[in-house]
Amino acid sequence: MNVNTPDDAGGPEREAGHGLDIRRLSADELAKLGVAHIAYVREIVMNGEPAFAIHAADGTPMAIAGEREVAVAAIRQHEMVPVSVH
């Protein structure tokens, strides 16, 4: 996804002086937004025990941790931003 290309070149349009106009993102571009920078933590049950799944912004499973704090620390260690899913 190239966010710097004008709309007539097939990418999202930049408005003068205002940066990227997210209203012009395609569904595919929106799904990829933040994939390399954002990971989310979701509580799950694994083998009858609570655990915390780590997923990329697009939903790709990345890891499982036994504690939420460990999951968040792992995300930060990889220079990503953790978010929680409720």
PDB file of N, CA and C in Angstrom:
ATOM      1  N   MET A   1       0.845  -1.170   0.000  1.00  0.00           N
ATOM      2  CA  MET A   1       0.000   0.000   0.000  1.00  0.00           C
ATOM      3  C   MET A   1       0.885   1.225   0.000  1.00  0.00           C
ATOM      4  N   ASN A   2       0.749   2.043  -0.981  1.00  0.00           N
ATOM      5  CA  ASN A   2       1.494   3.284  -1.054  1.00  0.00           C
ATOM      6  C   ASN A   2       0.552   4.424  -0.732  1.00  0.00           C
ATOM      7  N   VAL A   3       0.727   5.041   0.424  1.00  0.00           N
ATOM      8  CA  VAL A   3      -0.195   6.099   0.849  1.00  0.00           C
ATOM      9  C   VAL A   3       0.195   7.461   0.306  1.00  0.00           C
ATOM     10  N   ASN A   4       1.223   7.530  -0.505  1.00  0.00           N
ATOM     11  CA  ASN A   4       1.671   8.804  -1.043  1.00  0.00           C
ATOM     12  C   ASN A   4       1.286   9.023  -2.500  1.00  0.00           C
ATOM     13  N   THR A   5       0.544   8.101  -3.089  1.00  0.00           N
ATOM     14  CA  THR A   5       0.181   8.236  -4.490  1.00  0.00           C
ATOM     15  C   THR A   5      -1.144   8.949  -4.644  1.00  0.00           C
ATOM     16  N   PRO A   6      -1.275   9.811  -5.632  1.00  0.00           N
ATOM     17  CA  PRO A   6      -2.555  10.468  -5.860  1.00  0.00           C
ATOM     18  C   PRO A   6      -3.624   9.474  -6.280  1.00  0.00           C
ATOM     19  N   ASP A   7      -4.880   9.835  -6.095  1.00  0.00           N
ATOM     20  CA  ASP A   7      -6.012   8.954  -6.391  1.00  0.00           C
ATOM     21  C   ASP A   7      -6.022   8.504  -7.842  1.00  0.00           C
ATOM     22  N   ASP A   8      -5.631   9.379  -8.764  1.00  0.00           N
ATOM     23  CA  ASP A   8      -5.658   9.006 -10.173  1.00  0.00           C
ATOM     24  C   ASP A   8      -4.589   7.975 -10.510  1.00  0.00           C
ATOM     25  N   ALA A   9      -3.653   7.708  -9.601  1.00  0.00           N
ATOM     26  CA  ALA A   9      -2.634   6.677  -9.816  1.00  0.00           C
ATOM     27  C   ALA A   9      -3.015   5.371  -9.145  1.00  0.00           C
ATOM     28  N   GLY A  10      -4.246   5.272  -8.623  1.00  0.00           N
ATOM     29  CA  GLY A  10      -4.714   4.025  -8.054  1.00  0.00           C
ATOM     30  C   GLY A  10      -4.589   3.929  -6.552  1.00  0.00           C
ATOM     31  N   GLY A  11      -4.131   4.953  -5.864  1.00  0.00           N
ATOM     32  CA  GLY A  11      -3.984   4.908  -4.413  1.00  0.00           C
ATOM     33  C   GLY A  11      -4.853   5.956  -3.756  1.00  0.00           C
ATOM     34  N   PRO A  12      -4.847   6.020  -2.421  1.00  0.00           N
ATOM     35  CA  PRO A  12      -5.649   7.008  -1.725  1.00  0.00           C
ATOM     36  C   PRO A  12      -5.150   8.416  -1.999  1.00  0.00           C
ATOM     37  N   GLU A  13      -6.043   9.370  -2.000  1.00  0.00           N
ATOM     38  CA  GLU A  13      -5.703  10.753  -2.308  1.00  0.00           C
ATOM     39  C   GLU A  13      -5.279  11.514  -1.067  1.00  0.00           C
ATOM     40  N   ARG A  14      -4.306  12.398  -1.222  1.00  0.00           N
ATOM     41  CA  ARG A  14      -3.904  13.305  -0.147  1.00  0.00           C
ATOM     42  C   ARG A  14      -4.592  14.629  -0.393  1.00  0.00           C
ATOM     43  N   GLU A  15      -5.198  15.189   0.637  1.00  0.00           N
ATOM     44  CA  GLU A  15      -5.781  16.519   0.519  1.00  0.00           C
ATOM     45  C   GLU A  15      -4.698  17.527   0.835  1.00  0.00           C
ATOM     46  N   ALA A  16      -4.712  18.637   0.149  1.00  0.00           N
ATOM     47  CA  ALA A  16      -3.673  19.658   0.300  1.00  0.00           C
ATOM     48  C   ALA A  16      -3.504  20.065   1.754  1.00  0.00           C
ATOM     49  N   GLY A  17      -2.306  19.802   2.300  1.00  0.00           N
ATOM     50  CA  GLY A  17      -1.966  20.231   3.645  1.00  0.00           C
ATOM     51  C   GLY A  17      -2.602  19.433   4.767  1.00  0.00           C
ATOM     52  N   HIS A  18      -3.379  18.384   4.440  1.00  0.00           N
ATOM     53  CA  HIS A  18      -4.090  17.651   5.480  1.00  0.00           C
ATOM     54  C   HIS A  18      -3.681  16.189   5.590  1.00  0.00           C
ATOM     55  N   GLY A  19      -2.726  15.743   4.812  1.00  0.00           N
ATOM     56  CA  GLY A  19      -2.295  14.353   4.892  1.00  0.00           C
ATOM     57  C   GLY A  19      -3.237  13.420   4.161  1.00  0.00           C
ATOM     58  N   LEU A  20      -3.217  12.179   4.537  1.00  0.00           N
ATOM     59  CA  LEU A  20      -3.980  11.120   3.888  1.00  0.00           C
ATOM     60  C   LEU A  20      -5.474  11.238   4.189  1.00  0.00           C
ATOM     61  N   ASP A  21      -6.297  11.126   3.183  1.00  0.00           N
ATOM     62  CA  ASP A  21      -7.754  11.129   3.360  1.00  0.00           C
ATOM     63  C   ASP A  21      -8.202   9.676   3.500  1.00  0.00           C
ATOM     64  N   ILE A  22      -8.409   9.234   4.756  1.00  0.00           N
ATOM     65  CA  ILE A  22      -8.742   7.826   4.987  1.00  0.00           C
ATOM     66  C   ILE A  22     -10.102   7.444   4.424  1.00  0.00           C
ATOM     67  N   ARG A  23     -10.935   8.408   4.112  1.00  0.00           N
ATOM     68  CA  ARG A  23     -12.240   8.096   3.508  1.00  0.00           C
ATOM     69  C   ARG A  23     -12.086   7.515   2.116  1.00  0.00           C
ATOM     70  N   ARG A  24     -10.928   7.676   1.513  1.00  0.00           N
ATOM     71  CA  ARG A  24     -10.701   7.184   0.147  1.00  0.00           C
ATOM     72  C   ARG A  24      -9.924   5.870   0.108  1.00  0.00           C
ATOM     73  N   LEU A  25      -9.687   5.262   1.266  1.00  0.00           N
ATOM     74  CA  LEU A  25      -8.988   3.976   1.296  1.00  0.00           C
ATOM     75  C   LEU A  25      -9.923   2.872   0.827  1.00  0.00           C
ATOM     76  N   SER A  26      -9.382   1.942   0.067  1.00  0.00           N
ATOM     77  CA  SER A  26     -10.170   0.776  -0.322  1.00  0.00           C
ATOM     78  C   SER A  26     -10.278  -0.150   0.883  1.00  0.00           C
ATOM     79  N   ALA A  27     -11.160  -1.117   0.822  1.00  0.00           N
ATOM     80  CA  ALA A  27     -11.307  -2.081   1.922  1.00  0.00           C
ATOM     81  C   ALA A  27      -9.997  -2.834   2.150  1.00  0.00           C
ATOM     82  N   ASP A  28      -9.291  -3.168   1.068  1.00  0.00           N
ATOM     83  CA  ASP A  28      -8.019  -3.876   1.191  1.00  0.00           C
ATOM     84  C   ASP A  28      -6.961  -2.990   1.849  1.00  0.00           C
ATOM     85  N   GLU A  29      -6.887  -1.726   1.462  1.00  0.00           N
ATOM     86  CA  GLU A  29      -5.919  -0.798   2.056  1.00  0.00           C
ATOM     87  C   GLU A  29      -6.227  -0.569   3.534  1.00  0.00           C
ATOM     88  N   LEU A  30      -7.497  -0.458   3.867  1.00  0.00           N
ATOM     89  CA  LEU A  30      -7.898  -0.265   5.255  1.00  0.00           C
ATOM     90  C   LEU A  30      -7.525  -1.483   6.101  1.00  0.00           C
ATOM     91  N   ALA A  31      -7.711  -2.674   5.550  1.00  0.00           N
ATOM     92  CA  ALA A  31      -7.370  -3.901   6.280  1.00  0.00           C
ATOM     93  C   ALA A  31      -5.878  -3.990   6.557  1.00  0.00           C
ATOM     94  N   LYS A  32      -5.060  -3.451   5.670  1.00  0.00           N
ATOM     95  CA  LYS A  32      -3.612  -3.511   5.830  1.00  0.00           C
ATOM     96  C   LYS A  32      -3.059  -2.380   6.690  1.00  0.00           C
ATOM     97  N   LEU A  33      -3.882  -1.384   6.979  1.00  0.00           N
ATOM     98  CA  LEU A  33      -3.436  -0.228   7.749  1.00  0.00           C
ATOM     99  C   LEU A  33      -2.977  -0.653   9.138  1.00  0.00           C
ATOM    100  N   GLY A  34      -1.743  -0.395   9.452  1.00  0.00           N
ATOM    101  CA  GLY A  34      -1.212  -0.691  10.771  1.00  0.00           C
ATOM    102  C   GLY A  34      -0.732  -2.111  10.987  1.00  0.00           C
ATOM    103  N   VAL A  35      -0.790  -2.960   9.980  1.00  0.00           N
ATOM    104  CA  VAL A  35      -0.420  -4.368  10.157  1.00  0.00           C
ATOM    105  C   VAL A  35       0.980  -4.523  10.741  1.00  0.00           C
ATOM    106  N   ALA A  36       1.921  -3.710  10.298  1.00  0.00           N
ATOM    107  CA  ALA A  36       3.293  -3.838  10.780  1.00  0.00           C
ATOM    108  C   ALA A  36       3.536  -3.091  12.080  1.00  0.00           C
ATOM    109  N   HIS A  37       2.536  -2.346  12.563  1.00  0.00           N
ATOM    110  CA  HIS A  37       2.762  -1.496  13.727  1.00  0.00           C
ATOM    111  C   HIS A  37       1.831  -1.755  14.902  1.00  0.00           C
ATOM    112  N   ILE A  38       0.733  -2.412  14.657  1.00  0.00           N
ATOM    113  CA  ILE A  38      -0.277  -2.627  15.697  1.00  0.00           C
ATOM    114  C   ILE A  38      -0.523  -4.118  15.877  1.00  0.00           C
ATOM    115  N   ALA A  39      -0.603  -4.549  17.127  1.00  0.00           N
ATOM    116  CA  ALA A  39      -0.980  -5.925  17.439  1.00  0.00           C
ATOM    117  C   ALA A  39      -2.030  -5.868  18.540  1.00  0.00           C
ATOM    118  N   TYR A  40      -2.969  -6.794  18.503  1.00  0.00           N
ATOM    119  CA  TYR A  40      -3.978  -6.788  19.552  1.00  0.00           C
ATOM    120  C   TYR A  40      -3.905  -8.042  20.403  1.00  0.00           C
ATOM    121  N   VAL A  41      -4.362  -7.880  21.637  1.00  0.00           N
ATOM    122  CA  VAL A  41      -4.360  -8.958  22.622  1.00  0.00           C
ATOM    123  C   VAL A  41      -5.810  -9.322  22.901  1.00  0.00           C
ATOM    124  N   ARG A  42      -6.090 -10.610  22.860  1.00  0.00           N
ATOM    125  CA  ARG A  42      -7.448 -11.095  23.112  1.00  0.00           C
ATOM    126  C   ARG A  42      -7.382 -12.266  24.070  1.00  0.00           C
ATOM    127  N   GLU A  43      -8.211 -12.213  25.101  1.00  0.00           N
ATOM    128  CA  GLU A  43      -8.243 -13.324  26.048  1.00  0.00           C
ATOM    129  C   GLU A  43      -8.919 -14.525  25.404  1.00  0.00           C
ATOM    130  N   ILE A  44      -8.299 -15.690  25.584  1.00  0.00           N
ATOM    131  CA  ILE A  44      -8.828 -16.943  25.035  1.00  0.00           C
ATOM    132  C   ILE A  44      -8.747 -18.017  26.115  1.00  0.00           C
ATOM    133  N   VAL A  45      -9.298 -19.182  25.822  1.00  0.00           N
ATOM    134  CA  VAL A  45      -9.147 -20.357  26.686  1.00  0.00           C
ATOM    135  C   VAL A  45      -8.409 -21.398  25.867  1.00  0.00           C
ATOM    136  N   MET A  46      -7.296 -21.881  26.425  1.00  0.00           N
ATOM    137  CA  MET A  46      -6.494 -22.881  25.732  1.00  0.00           C
ATOM    138  C   MET A  46      -6.236 -24.038  26.694  1.00  0.00           C
ATOM    139  N   ASN A  47      -6.632 -25.233  26.295  1.00  0.00           N
ATOM    140  CA  ASN A  47      -6.507 -26.419  27.154  1.00  0.00           C
ATOM    141  C   ASN A  47      -7.186 -26.203  28.504  1.00  0.00           C
ATOM    142  N   GLY A  48      -8.329 -25.517  28.481  1.00  0.00           N
ATOM    143  CA  GLY A  48      -9.095 -25.273  29.694  1.00  0.00           C
ATOM    144  C   GLY A  48      -8.556 -24.177  30.590  1.00  0.00           C
ATOM    145  N   GLU A  49      -7.482 -23.515  30.181  1.00  0.00           N
ATOM    146  CA  GLU A  49      -6.855 -22.456  30.979  1.00  0.00           C
ATOM    147  C   GLU A  49      -6.947 -21.122  30.249  1.00  0.00           C
ATOM    148  N   PRO A  50      -7.075 -20.019  31.001  1.00  0.00           N
ATOM    149  CA  PRO A  50      -7.065 -18.710  30.336  1.00  0.00           C
ATOM    150  C   PRO A  50      -5.689 -18.416  29.744  1.00  0.00           C
ATOM    151  N   ALA A  51      -5.675 -17.780  28.595  1.00  0.00           N
ATOM    152  CA  ALA A  51      -4.439 -17.390  27.917  1.00  0.00           C
ATOM    153  C   ALA A  51      -4.729 -16.117  27.136  1.00  0.00           C
ATOM    154  N   PHE A  52      -3.696 -15.544  26.537  1.00  0.00           N
ATOM    155  CA  PHE A  52      -3.846 -14.293  25.801  1.00  0.00           C
ATOM    156  C   PHE A  52      -3.220 -14.448  24.423  1.00  0.00           C
ATOM    157  N   ALA A  53      -4.057 -14.349  23.399  1.00  0.00           N
ATOM    158  CA  ALA A  53      -3.603 -14.486  22.018  1.00  0.00           C
ATOM    159  C   ALA A  53      -3.149 -13.131  21.502  1.00  0.00           C
ATOM    160  N   ILE A  54      -2.051 -13.124  20.772  1.00  0.00           N
ATOM    161  CA  ILE A  54      -1.533 -11.913  20.137  1.00  0.00           C
ATOM    162  C   ILE A  54      -1.766 -12.061  18.640  1.00  0.00           C
ATOM    163  N   HIS A  55      -2.414 -11.049  18.060  1.00  0.00           N
ATOM    164  CA  HIS A  55      -2.724 -11.054  16.630  1.00  0.00           C
ATOM    165  C   HIS A  55      -2.219  -9.770  15.987  1.00  0.00           C
ATOM    166  N   ALA A  56      -1.797  -9.852  14.724  1.00  0.00           N
ATOM    167  CA  ALA A  56      -1.471  -8.659  13.948  1.00  0.00           C
ATOM    168  C   ALA A  56      -2.769  -7.890  13.700  1.00  0.00           C
ATOM    169  N   ALA A  57      -2.649  -6.657  13.286  1.00  0.00           N
ATOM    170  CA  ALA A  57      -3.825  -5.814  13.040  1.00  0.00           C
ATOM    171  C   ALA A  57      -4.800  -6.430  12.049  1.00  0.00           C
ATOM    172  N   ASP A  58      -4.304  -7.260  11.129  1.00  0.00           N
ATOM    173  CA  ASP A  58      -5.184  -7.891  10.139  1.00  0.00           C
ATOM    174  C   ASP A  58      -5.782  -9.208  10.625  1.00  0.00           C
ATOM    175  N   GLY A  59      -5.502  -9.573  11.906  1.00  0.00           N
ATOM    176  CA  GLY A  59      -6.063 -10.786  12.473  1.00  0.00           C
ATOM    177  C   GLY A  59      -5.152 -11.999  12.409  1.00  0.00           C
ATOM    178  N   THR A  60      -3.997 -11.874  11.787  1.00  0.00           N
ATOM    179  CA  THR A  60      -3.062 -12.990  11.699  1.00  0.00           C
ATOM    180  C   THR A  60      -2.557 -13.368  13.089  1.00  0.00           C
ATOM    181  N   PRO A  61      -2.738 -14.632  13.527  1.00  0.00           N
ATOM    182  CA  PRO A  61      -2.230 -15.047  14.836  1.00  0.00           C
ATOM    183  C   PRO A  61      -0.703 -14.975  14.865  1.00  0.00           C
ATOM    184  N   MET A  62      -0.168 -14.447  15.970  1.00  0.00           N
ATOM    185  CA  MET A  62       1.280 -14.309  16.082  1.00  0.00           C
ATOM    186  C   MET A  62       1.859 -15.095  17.249  1.00  0.00           C
ATOM    187  N   ALA A  63       1.163 -15.133  18.391  1.00  0.00           N
ATOM    188  CA  ALA A  63       1.702 -15.830  19.568  1.00  0.00           C
ATOM    189  C   ALA A  63       0.614 -15.974  20.615  1.00  0.00           C
ATOM    190  N   ILE A  64       0.921 -16.764  21.646  1.00  0.00           N
ATOM    191  CA  ILE A  64       0.035 -16.933  22.799  1.00  0.00           C
ATOM    192  C   ILE A  64       0.886 -16.775  24.045  1.00  0.00           C
ATOM    193  N   ALA A  65       0.353 -16.050  25.021  1.00  0.00           N
ATOM    194  CA  ALA A  65       1.057 -15.860  26.299  1.00  0.00           C
ATOM    195  C   ALA A  65       0.129 -16.282  27.426  1.00  0.00           C
ATOM    196  N   GLY A  66       0.708 -16.673  28.533  1.00  0.00           N
ATOM    197  CA  GLY A  66      -0.074 -17.094  29.684  1.00  0.00           C
ATOM    198  C   GLY A  66      -0.642 -15.933  30.494  1.00  0.00           C
ATOM    199  N   GLU A  67      -0.028 -14.769  30.351  1.00  0.00           N
ATOM    200  CA  GLU A  67      -0.476 -13.585  31.090  1.00  0.00           C
ATOM    201  C   GLU A  67      -0.568 -12.401  30.142  1.00  0.00           C
ATOM    202  N   ARG A  68      -1.533 -11.521  30.406  1.00  0.00           N
ATOM    203  CA  ARG A  68      -1.730 -10.345  29.564  1.00  0.00           C
ATOM    204  C   ARG A  68      -0.483  -9.465  29.546  1.00  0.00           C
ATOM    205  N   GLU A  69       0.148  -9.256  30.704  1.00  0.00           N
ATOM    206  CA  GLU A  69       1.323  -8.394  30.788  1.00  0.00           C
ATOM    207  C   GLU A  69       2.468  -8.926  29.925  1.00  0.00           C
ATOM    208  N   VAL A  70       2.598 -10.242  29.861  1.00  0.00           N
ATOM    209  CA  VAL A  70       3.639 -10.858  29.030  1.00  0.00           C
ATOM    210  C   VAL A  70       3.326 -10.627  27.552  1.00  0.00           C
ATOM    211  N   ALA A  71       2.056 -10.750  27.182  1.00  0.00           N
ATOM    212  CA  ALA A  71       1.648 -10.513  25.796  1.00  0.00           C
ATOM    213  C   ALA A  71       1.949  -9.075  25.390  1.00  0.00           C
ATOM    214  N   VAL A  72       1.594  -8.121  26.253  1.00  0.00           N
ATOM    215  CA  VAL A  72       1.832  -6.705  25.957  1.00  0.00           C
ATOM    216  C   VAL A  72       3.334  -6.427  25.866  1.00  0.00           C
ATOM    217  N   ALA A  73       4.117  -6.989  26.773  1.00  0.00           N
ATOM    218  CA  ALA A  73       5.569  -6.797  26.751  1.00  0.00           C
ATOM    219  C   ALA A  73       6.177  -7.361  25.459  1.00  0.00           C
ATOM    220  N   ALA A  74       5.688  -8.501  25.001  1.00  0.00           N
ATOM    221  CA  ALA A  74       6.194  -9.103  23.767  1.00  0.00           C
ATOM    222  C   ALA A  74       5.904  -8.205  22.566  1.00  0.00           C
ATOM    223  N   ILE A  75       4.720  -7.629  22.545  1.00  0.00           N
ATOM    224  CA  ILE A  75       4.355  -6.724  21.446  1.00  0.00           C
ATOM    225  C   ILE A  75       5.279  -5.506  21.445  1.00  0.00           C
ATOM    226  N   ARG A  76       5.447  -4.912  22.616  1.00  0.00           N
ATOM    227  CA  ARG A  76       6.317  -3.731  22.722  1.00  0.00           C
ATOM    228  C   ARG A  76       7.769  -4.054  22.382  1.00  0.00           C
ATOM    229  N   GLN A  77       8.218  -5.245  22.760  1.00  0.00           N
ATOM    230  CA  GLN A  77       9.590  -5.658  22.470  1.00  0.00           C
ATOM    231  C   GLN A  77       9.833  -5.700  20.959  1.00  0.00           C
ATOM    232  N   HIS A  78       8.788  -5.962  20.213  1.00  0.00           N
ATOM    233  CA  HIS A  78       8.897  -5.999  18.747  1.00  0.00           C
ATOM    234  C   HIS A  78       8.525  -4.667  18.113  1.00  0.00           C
ATOM    235  N   GLU A  79       8.578  -3.603  18.926  1.00  0.00           N
ATOM    236  CA  GLU A  79       8.346  -2.228  18.474  1.00  0.00           C
ATOM    237  C   GLU A  79       6.983  -2.047  17.809  1.00  0.00           C
ATOM    238  N   MET A  80       5.982  -2.700  18.368  1.00  0.00           N
ATOM    239  CA  MET A  80       4.612  -2.554  17.901  1.00  0.00           C
ATOM    240  C   MET A  80       3.789  -1.925  19.011  1.00  0.00           C
ATOM    241  N   VAL A  81       2.605  -1.452  18.670  1.00  0.00           N
ATOM    242  CA  VAL A  81       1.702  -0.843  19.632  1.00  0.00           C
ATOM    243  C   VAL A  81       0.634  -1.868  20.023  1.00  0.00           C
ATOM    244  N   PRO A  82       0.524  -2.183  21.313  1.00  0.00           N
ATOM    245  CA  PRO A  82      -0.496  -3.154  21.749  1.00  0.00           C
ATOM    246  C   PRO A  82      -1.856  -2.493  21.931  1.00  0.00           C
ATOM    247  N   VAL A  83      -2.912  -3.181  21.535  1.00  0.00           N
ATOM    248  CA  VAL A  83      -4.282  -2.757  21.807  1.00  0.00           C
ATOM    249  C   VAL A  83      -5.050  -3.973  22.312  1.00  0.00           C
ATOM    250  N   SER A  84      -6.038  -3.723  23.158  1.00  0.00           N
ATOM    251  CA  SER A  84      -6.854  -4.815  23.695  1.00  0.00           C
ATOM    252  C   SER A  84      -8.158  -4.938  22.943  1.00  0.00           C
ATOM    253  N   VAL A  85      -8.632  -6.159  22.804  1.00  0.00           N
ATOM    254  CA  VAL A  85      -9.932  -6.419  22.195  1.00  0.00           C
ATOM    255  C   VAL A  85     -10.825  -6.937  23.296  1.00  0.00           C
ATOM    256  N   HIS A  86     -11.956  -6.299  23.478  1.00  0.00           N
ATOM    257  CA  HIS A  86     -12.885  -6.678  24.553  1.00  0.00           C
ATOM    258  C   HIS A  86     -14.028  -7.486  23.995  1.00  0.00           C
TER     259      HIS A  86
END
